[in-house]
Amino acid sequence: MTAKLPQEPQRKPEEKPPATQGKGARTGPWRLFKNLLLLARATEDQVKEQARDRVKHTIENNDVLKEIKNEFRRDYNDAQNEIAKLSSWVRVIIFISVALVFLAGPLVPDIFSLDVLKVEIENLKEDIKDLREENQTQN
């Protein structure tokens, strides 16, 4: 019971390993340095591009924020103006009401007080009695 291990595929003798094929596969120190330089340059360009994008995005966000702040300020100022107008109307109405109560109050006859109503009722009762007596004397 021997288990067979998987074997590597057999290469033909004229076939070279992939690491040594072609010009780009050289791994000398100069090539490594050149690859690192290209990678650094690409990374630096990407970093610059990302920074530019962030700045553009930040500027756009700041513009949007400024626009929102300006709109909020306009709405707030409009609301303050409306409140000022309403409060001035309320003051005018209160002033007129107070003026009517204090100035016109004494001018209105006191017909609604209870004492005056009692006296008026008694006077009416007496007038009714007098009219009945006159009616009876005439008949």
N, C-alpha and C. Protein backbone atom coordinates (compact mmCIF):
# COMPACT_ATOMS: atom_id res chain seq x y z
N MET A 1 0.82 -1.15 0.00
CA MET A 1 0.00 0.00 0.00
C MET A 1 0.88 1.24 0.00
N THR A 2 1.34 1.51 -1.05
CA THR A 2 2.14 2.72 -1.19
C THR A 2 1.31 3.74 -1.94
N ALA A 3 1.27 4.92 -1.39
CA ALA A 3 0.52 6.01 -2.03
C ALA A 3 1.44 6.75 -2.97
N LYS A 4 0.89 7.06 -4.10
CA LYS A 4 1.69 7.80 -5.07
C LYS A 4 1.57 9.29 -4.79
N LEU A 5 2.68 9.94 -4.77
CA LEU A 5 2.71 11.38 -4.59
C LEU A 5 2.56 12.05 -5.95
N PRO A 6 1.91 13.19 -6.01
CA PRO A 6 1.80 13.87 -7.29
C PRO A 6 3.17 14.32 -7.75
N GLN A 7 3.41 14.12 -8.99
CA GLN A 7 4.72 14.46 -9.53
C GLN A 7 4.63 15.75 -10.32
N GLU A 8 5.76 16.48 -10.36
CA GLU A 8 5.81 17.70 -11.13
C GLU A 8 5.78 17.35 -12.60
N PRO A 9 5.19 18.19 -13.42
CA PRO A 9 5.19 17.90 -14.85
C PRO A 9 6.62 17.94 -15.38
N GLN A 10 6.88 17.05 -16.25
CA GLN A 10 8.21 16.96 -16.84
C GLN A 10 8.40 18.09 -17.83
N ARG A 11 9.54 18.78 -17.73
CA ARG A 11 9.84 19.86 -18.66
C ARG A 11 10.73 19.33 -19.75
N LYS A 12 10.51 19.95 -20.88
CA LYS A 12 11.39 19.59 -21.99
C LYS A 12 12.72 20.28 -21.76
N PRO A 13 13.82 19.72 -22.22
CA PRO A 13 15.13 20.32 -21.96
C PRO A 13 15.31 21.70 -22.58
N GLU A 14 14.64 22.04 -23.70
CA GLU A 14 14.83 23.34 -24.32
C GLU A 14 13.98 24.43 -23.64
N GLU A 15 13.06 24.03 -22.79
CA GLU A 15 12.20 24.98 -22.12
C GLU A 15 12.93 25.59 -20.93
N LYS A 16 12.85 26.95 -20.79
CA LYS A 16 13.49 27.62 -19.67
C LYS A 16 12.42 27.94 -18.63
N PRO A 17 12.79 28.05 -17.40
CA PRO A 17 11.80 28.43 -16.39
C PRO A 17 11.30 29.87 -16.63
N PRO A 18 10.07 30.18 -16.26
CA PRO A 18 9.48 31.47 -16.57
C PRO A 18 10.25 32.66 -15.97
N ALA A 19 10.94 32.51 -14.88
CA ALA A 19 11.63 33.63 -14.25
C ALA A 19 12.79 34.11 -15.08
N THR A 20 13.33 33.26 -15.94
CA THR A 20 14.48 33.67 -16.73
C THR A 20 14.12 33.96 -18.17
N GLN A 21 12.83 33.89 -18.52
CA GLN A 21 12.44 34.14 -19.90
C GLN A 21 12.21 35.62 -20.14
N GLY A 22 12.55 36.10 -21.27
CA GLY A 22 12.27 37.46 -21.70
C GLY A 22 13.14 38.50 -21.02
N LYS A 23 13.07 39.72 -21.60
CA LYS A 23 13.91 40.80 -21.13
C LYS A 23 13.45 41.34 -19.77
N GLY A 24 12.12 41.39 -19.53
CA GLY A 24 11.59 41.96 -18.29
C GLY A 24 11.79 41.10 -17.08
N ALA A 25 12.30 39.90 -17.26
CA ALA A 25 12.42 38.99 -16.15
C ALA A 25 13.77 39.07 -15.46
N ARG A 26 14.63 39.98 -15.92
CA ARG A 26 15.94 40.08 -15.27
C ARG A 26 15.78 40.64 -13.87
N THR A 27 16.57 40.18 -12.99
CA THR A 27 16.44 40.58 -11.59
C THR A 27 17.74 41.15 -11.05
N GLY A 28 18.46 41.85 -11.86
CA GLY A 28 19.71 42.44 -11.39
C GLY A 28 19.42 43.63 -10.47
N PRO A 29 20.43 44.12 -9.76
CA PRO A 29 20.22 45.24 -8.83
C PRO A 29 19.76 46.51 -9.53
N TRP A 30 20.28 46.78 -10.75
CA TRP A 30 19.85 47.97 -11.48
C TRP A 30 18.37 47.88 -11.83
N ARG A 31 17.94 46.71 -12.27
CA ARG A 31 16.53 46.51 -12.64
C ARG A 31 15.64 46.64 -11.41
N LEU A 32 16.07 46.10 -10.30
CA LEU A 32 15.31 46.21 -9.06
C LEU A 32 15.17 47.68 -8.65
N PHE A 33 16.27 48.43 -8.74
CA PHE A 33 16.25 49.85 -8.41
C PHE A 33 15.31 50.61 -9.35
N LYS A 34 15.39 50.26 -10.65
CA LYS A 34 14.54 50.92 -11.64
C LYS A 34 13.06 50.62 -11.36
N ASN A 35 12.75 49.37 -11.02
CA ASN A 35 11.37 49.01 -10.70
C ASN A 35 10.88 49.75 -9.46
N LEU A 36 11.74 49.85 -8.46
CA LEU A 36 11.37 50.57 -7.24
C LEU A 36 11.14 52.05 -7.54
N LEU A 37 11.99 52.63 -8.40
CA LEU A 37 11.84 54.03 -8.78
C LEU A 37 10.52 54.25 -9.52
N LEU A 38 10.21 53.35 -10.46
CA LEU A 38 8.94 53.46 -11.18
C LEU A 38 7.75 53.32 -10.24
N LEU A 39 7.88 52.38 -9.31
CA LEU A 39 6.81 52.17 -8.34
C LEU A 39 6.65 53.41 -7.45
N ALA A 40 7.78 53.98 -7.02
CA ALA A 40 7.72 55.18 -6.19
C ALA A 40 7.12 56.34 -6.96
N ARG A 41 7.53 56.49 -8.23
CA ARG A 41 6.99 57.57 -9.05
C ARG A 41 5.48 57.38 -9.24
N ALA A 42 5.07 56.15 -9.53
CA ALA A 42 3.65 55.88 -9.71
C ALA A 42 2.90 56.14 -8.41
N THR A 43 3.50 55.70 -7.31
CA THR A 43 2.86 55.92 -6.02
C THR A 43 2.79 57.41 -5.71
N GLU A 44 3.87 58.14 -6.02
CA GLU A 44 3.88 59.58 -5.78
C GLU A 44 2.82 60.27 -6.63
N ASP A 45 2.71 59.85 -7.90
CA ASP A 45 1.68 60.43 -8.77
C ASP A 45 0.29 60.12 -8.24
N GLN A 46 0.11 58.88 -7.78
CA GLN A 46 -1.19 58.51 -7.23
C GLN A 46 -1.50 59.31 -5.97
N VAL A 47 -0.47 59.48 -5.14
CA VAL A 47 -0.68 60.25 -3.91
C VAL A 47 -1.04 61.69 -4.26
N LYS A 48 -0.32 62.26 -5.25
CA LYS A 48 -0.64 63.63 -5.67
C LYS A 48 -2.06 63.71 -6.23
N GLU A 49 -2.41 62.72 -7.03
CA GLU A 49 -3.76 62.72 -7.62
C GLU A 49 -4.82 62.58 -6.52
N GLN A 50 -4.56 61.69 -5.56
CA GLN A 50 -5.50 61.53 -4.46
C GLN A 50 -5.59 62.82 -3.64
N ALA A 51 -4.44 63.47 -3.43
CA ALA A 51 -4.45 64.73 -2.68
C ALA A 51 -5.25 65.79 -3.44
N ARG A 52 -5.04 65.85 -4.77
CA ARG A 52 -5.81 66.81 -5.58
C ARG A 52 -7.31 66.51 -5.48
N ASP A 53 -7.64 65.21 -5.57
CA ASP A 53 -9.05 64.84 -5.46
C ASP A 53 -9.62 65.22 -4.10
N ARG A 54 -8.84 64.99 -3.05
CA ARG A 54 -9.30 65.35 -1.70
C ARG A 54 -9.50 66.86 -1.58
N VAL A 55 -8.55 67.61 -2.14
CA VAL A 55 -8.67 69.08 -2.08
C VAL A 55 -9.91 69.52 -2.86
N LYS A 56 -10.11 68.95 -4.06
CA LYS A 56 -11.30 69.30 -4.85
C LYS A 56 -12.56 68.94 -4.08
N HIS A 57 -12.56 67.74 -3.49
CA HIS A 57 -13.72 67.28 -2.73
C HIS A 57 -13.96 68.19 -1.53
N THR A 58 -12.87 68.56 -0.85
CA THR A 58 -12.99 69.45 0.30
C THR A 58 -13.52 70.81 -0.12
N ILE A 59 -13.00 71.33 -1.24
CA ILE A 59 -13.47 72.62 -1.74
C ILE A 59 -14.95 72.53 -2.10
N GLU A 60 -15.34 71.44 -2.77
CA GLU A 60 -16.75 71.26 -3.12
C GLU A 60 -17.59 71.18 -1.86
N ASN A 61 -17.10 70.40 -0.86
CA ASN A 61 -17.84 70.29 0.39
C ASN A 61 -17.92 71.64 1.10
N ASN A 62 -16.81 72.40 1.09
CA ASN A 62 -16.83 73.72 1.72
C ASN A 62 -17.81 74.64 1.00
N ASP A 63 -17.83 74.57 -0.34
CA ASP A 63 -18.80 75.38 -1.08
C ASP A 63 -20.22 74.99 -0.72
N VAL A 64 -20.45 73.69 -0.64
CA VAL A 64 -21.79 73.21 -0.27
C VAL A 64 -22.13 73.66 1.15
N LEU A 65 -21.15 73.54 2.06
CA LEU A 65 -21.40 73.97 3.44
C LEU A 65 -21.66 75.47 3.51
N LYS A 66 -20.88 76.25 2.75
CA LYS A 66 -21.12 77.70 2.74
C LYS A 66 -22.50 78.01 2.19
N GLU A 67 -22.89 77.30 1.15
CA GLU A 67 -24.21 77.52 0.57
C GLU A 67 -25.31 77.16 1.58
N ILE A 68 -25.12 76.05 2.28
CA ILE A 68 -26.09 75.64 3.30
C ILE A 68 -26.15 76.67 4.42
N LYS A 69 -24.96 77.14 4.86
CA LYS A 69 -24.92 78.15 5.93
C LYS A 69 -25.61 79.43 5.48
N ASN A 70 -25.34 79.86 4.25
CA ASN A 70 -25.97 81.08 3.74
C ASN A 70 -27.48 80.92 3.65
N GLU A 71 -27.92 79.75 3.19
CA GLU A 71 -29.36 79.50 3.10
C GLU A 71 -29.99 79.48 4.49
N PHE A 72 -29.29 78.86 5.45
CA PHE A 72 -29.79 78.83 6.82
C PHE A 72 -29.86 80.24 7.39
N ARG A 73 -28.82 81.06 7.13
CA ARG A 73 -28.83 82.44 7.62
C ARG A 73 -29.99 83.23 7.01
N ARG A 74 -30.21 83.04 5.70
CA ARG A 74 -31.32 83.73 5.05
C ARG A 74 -32.65 83.32 5.68
N ASP A 75 -32.85 82.01 5.86
CA ASP A 75 -34.09 81.53 6.47
C ASP A 75 -34.24 82.06 7.90
N TYR A 76 -33.12 82.05 8.64
CA TYR A 76 -33.15 82.53 10.02
C TYR A 76 -33.50 84.02 10.06
N ASN A 77 -32.88 84.80 9.18
CA ASN A 77 -33.18 86.24 9.14
C ASN A 77 -34.62 86.49 8.72
N ASP A 78 -35.12 85.71 7.76
CA ASP A 78 -36.52 85.85 7.37
C ASP A 78 -37.45 85.53 8.54
N ALA A 79 -37.12 84.47 9.27
CA ALA A 79 -37.93 84.10 10.43
C ALA A 79 -37.87 85.19 11.50
N GLN A 80 -36.69 85.76 11.72
CA GLN A 80 -36.57 86.85 12.70
C GLN A 80 -37.41 88.05 12.27
N ASN A 81 -37.40 88.37 10.98
CA ASN A 81 -38.21 89.49 10.48
C ASN A 81 -39.70 89.21 10.67
N GLU A 82 -40.12 87.98 10.39
CA GLU A 82 -41.53 87.62 10.58
C GLU A 82 -41.91 87.73 12.05
N ILE A 83 -41.03 87.26 12.93
CA ILE A 83 -41.30 87.34 14.37
C ILE A 83 -41.40 88.79 14.81
N ALA A 84 -40.51 89.63 14.28
CA ALA A 84 -40.55 91.06 14.63
C ALA A 84 -41.86 91.69 14.17
N LYS A 85 -42.30 91.34 12.96
CA LYS A 85 -43.57 91.88 12.46
C LYS A 85 -44.74 91.42 13.32
N LEU A 86 -44.76 90.11 13.63
CA LEU A 86 -45.85 89.58 14.46
C LEU A 86 -45.84 90.19 15.85
N SER A 87 -44.66 90.33 16.43
CA SER A 87 -44.60 90.90 17.78
C SER A 87 -45.03 92.36 17.77
N SER A 88 -44.73 93.10 16.71
CA SER A 88 -45.20 94.49 16.64
C SER A 88 -46.72 94.52 16.53
N TRP A 89 -47.30 93.60 15.75
CA TRP A 89 -48.76 93.54 15.67
C TRP A 89 -49.38 93.17 17.01
N VAL A 90 -48.74 92.24 17.71
CA VAL A 90 -49.25 91.85 19.03
C VAL A 90 -49.20 93.05 19.97
N ARG A 91 -48.12 93.81 19.93
CA ARG A 91 -48.01 95.01 20.78
C ARG A 91 -49.11 96.01 20.44
N VAL A 92 -49.36 96.20 19.15
CA VAL A 92 -50.42 97.14 18.74
C VAL A 92 -51.77 96.67 19.26
N ILE A 93 -52.06 95.39 19.11
CA ILE A 93 -53.35 94.86 19.57
C ILE A 93 -53.48 94.98 21.08
N ILE A 94 -52.41 94.68 21.81
CA ILE A 94 -52.45 94.81 23.27
C ILE A 94 -52.67 96.26 23.66
N PHE A 95 -51.98 97.17 23.00
CA PHE A 95 -52.13 98.60 23.31
C PHE A 95 -53.56 99.06 23.06
N ILE A 96 -54.12 98.66 21.92
CA ILE A 96 -55.49 99.05 21.60
C ILE A 96 -56.47 98.46 22.61
N SER A 97 -56.26 97.20 22.99
CA SER A 97 -57.15 96.56 23.97
C SER A 97 -57.09 97.28 25.31
N VAL A 98 -55.88 97.58 25.76
CA VAL A 98 -55.73 98.27 27.04
C VAL A 98 -56.36 99.66 26.96
N ALA A 99 -56.15 100.33 25.84
CA ALA A 99 -56.74 101.66 25.68
C ALA A 99 -58.26 101.59 25.71
N LEU A 100 -58.84 100.60 25.06
CA LEU A 100 -60.30 100.47 25.08
C LEU A 100 -60.82 100.17 26.47
N VAL A 101 -60.11 99.32 27.20
CA VAL A 101 -60.57 98.96 28.54
C VAL A 101 -60.50 100.16 29.47
N PHE A 102 -59.38 100.88 29.46
CA PHE A 102 -59.21 101.98 30.41
C PHE A 102 -59.89 103.28 29.97
N LEU A 103 -59.88 103.55 28.67
CA LEU A 103 -60.45 104.81 28.22
C LEU A 103 -61.94 104.70 27.95
N ALA A 104 -62.37 103.64 27.31
CA ALA A 104 -63.77 103.53 26.94
C ALA A 104 -64.60 102.85 28.03
N GLY A 105 -63.96 102.22 28.99
CA GLY A 105 -64.69 101.54 30.06
C GLY A 105 -65.61 102.46 30.84
N PRO A 106 -65.14 103.60 31.33
CA PRO A 106 -66.04 104.49 32.08
C PRO A 106 -67.13 105.10 31.22
N LEU A 107 -66.93 105.15 29.91
CA LEU A 107 -67.94 105.73 29.04
C LEU A 107 -69.12 104.80 28.82
N VAL A 108 -68.93 103.52 28.98
CA VAL A 108 -70.00 102.55 28.79
C VAL A 108 -70.89 102.60 30.03
N PRO A 109 -72.21 102.69 29.85
CA PRO A 109 -73.09 102.74 31.03
C PRO A 109 -72.99 101.47 31.85
N ASP A 110 -73.30 101.63 33.10
CA ASP A 110 -73.17 100.52 34.04
C ASP A 110 -74.42 99.66 34.06
N ILE A 111 -74.99 99.34 32.93
CA ILE A 111 -76.25 98.59 32.92
C ILE A 111 -76.05 97.12 33.23
N PHE A 112 -74.83 96.67 33.20
CA PHE A 112 -74.61 95.25 33.40
C PHE A 112 -74.27 94.90 34.85
N SER A 113 -74.13 95.89 35.70
CA SER A 113 -73.83 95.54 37.09
C SER A 113 -75.11 95.03 37.76
N LEU A 114 -74.99 94.20 38.76
CA LEU A 114 -76.15 93.57 39.41
C LEU A 114 -77.00 94.57 40.19
N ASP A 115 -76.34 95.50 40.82
CA ASP A 115 -77.11 96.48 41.59
C ASP A 115 -78.01 97.29 40.68
N VAL A 116 -77.47 97.71 39.55
CA VAL A 116 -78.26 98.50 38.61
C VAL A 116 -79.40 97.66 38.06
N LEU A 117 -79.14 96.40 37.78
CA LEU A 117 -80.19 95.52 37.27
C LEU A 117 -81.30 95.32 38.32
N LYS A 118 -80.93 95.18 39.59
CA LYS A 118 -81.94 95.02 40.64
C LYS A 118 -82.82 96.25 40.74
N VAL A 119 -82.19 97.40 40.67
CA VAL A 119 -82.96 98.65 40.75
C VAL A 119 -83.89 98.77 39.55
N GLU A 120 -83.41 98.42 38.39
CA GLU A 120 -84.24 98.49 37.18
C GLU A 120 -85.41 97.53 37.27
N ILE A 121 -85.18 96.35 37.82
CA ILE A 121 -86.27 95.36 37.97
C ILE A 121 -87.33 95.90 38.95
N GLU A 122 -86.88 96.47 40.04
CA GLU A 122 -87.84 97.04 41.01
C GLU A 122 -88.65 98.16 40.37
N ASN A 123 -87.97 98.99 39.59
CA ASN A 123 -88.69 100.08 38.90
C ASN A 123 -89.71 99.53 37.92
N LEU A 124 -89.35 98.48 37.21
CA LEU A 124 -90.29 97.88 36.26
C LEU A 124 -91.48 97.26 37.00
N LYS A 125 -91.24 96.62 38.14
CA LYS A 125 -92.35 96.05 38.93
C LYS A 125 -93.32 97.15 39.38
N GLU A 126 -92.76 98.24 39.83
CA GLU A 126 -93.61 99.35 40.26
C GLU A 126 -94.40 99.92 39.09
N ASP A 127 -93.74 100.02 37.93
CA ASP A 127 -94.44 100.53 36.75
C ASP A 127 -95.57 99.59 36.35
N ILE A 128 -95.34 98.30 36.45
CA ILE A 128 -96.39 97.32 36.10
C ILE A 128 -97.56 97.45 37.07
N LYS A 129 -97.28 97.59 38.36
CA LYS A 129 -98.35 97.75 39.36
C LYS A 129 -99.16 99.01 39.09
N ASP A 130 -98.46 100.07 38.78
CA ASP A 130 -99.15 101.33 38.48
C ASP A 130 -100.05 101.19 37.25
N LEU A 131 -99.55 100.52 36.24
CA LEU A 131 -100.35 100.32 35.02
C LEU A 131 -101.58 99.45 35.31
N ARG A 132 -101.47 98.45 36.15
CA ARG A 132 -102.61 97.58 36.50
C ARG A 132 -103.66 98.39 37.28
N GLU A 133 -103.15 99.19 38.17
CA GLU A 133 -104.09 100.00 38.96
C GLU A 133 -104.85 100.98 38.07
N GLU A 134 -104.16 101.56 37.13
CA GLU A 134 -104.81 102.49 36.21
C GLU A 134 -105.83 101.76 35.34
N ASN A 135 -105.48 100.57 34.93
CA ASN A 135 -106.39 99.76 34.12
C ASN A 135 -107.65 99.41 34.92
N GLN A 136 -107.48 99.07 36.15
CA GLN A 136 -108.62 98.68 36.98
C GLN A 136 -109.51 99.90 37.28
N THR A 137 -108.92 101.03 37.45
CA THR A 137 -109.71 102.22 37.74
C THR A 137 -110.48 102.69 36.50
N GLN A 138 -109.95 102.45 35.36
CA GLN A 138 -110.62 102.86 34.13
C GLN A 138 -111.76 101.91 33.79
N ASN A 139 -111.71 100.71 34.19
CA ASN A 139 -112.77 99.74 33.88
C ASN A 139 -113.87 99.88 34.82
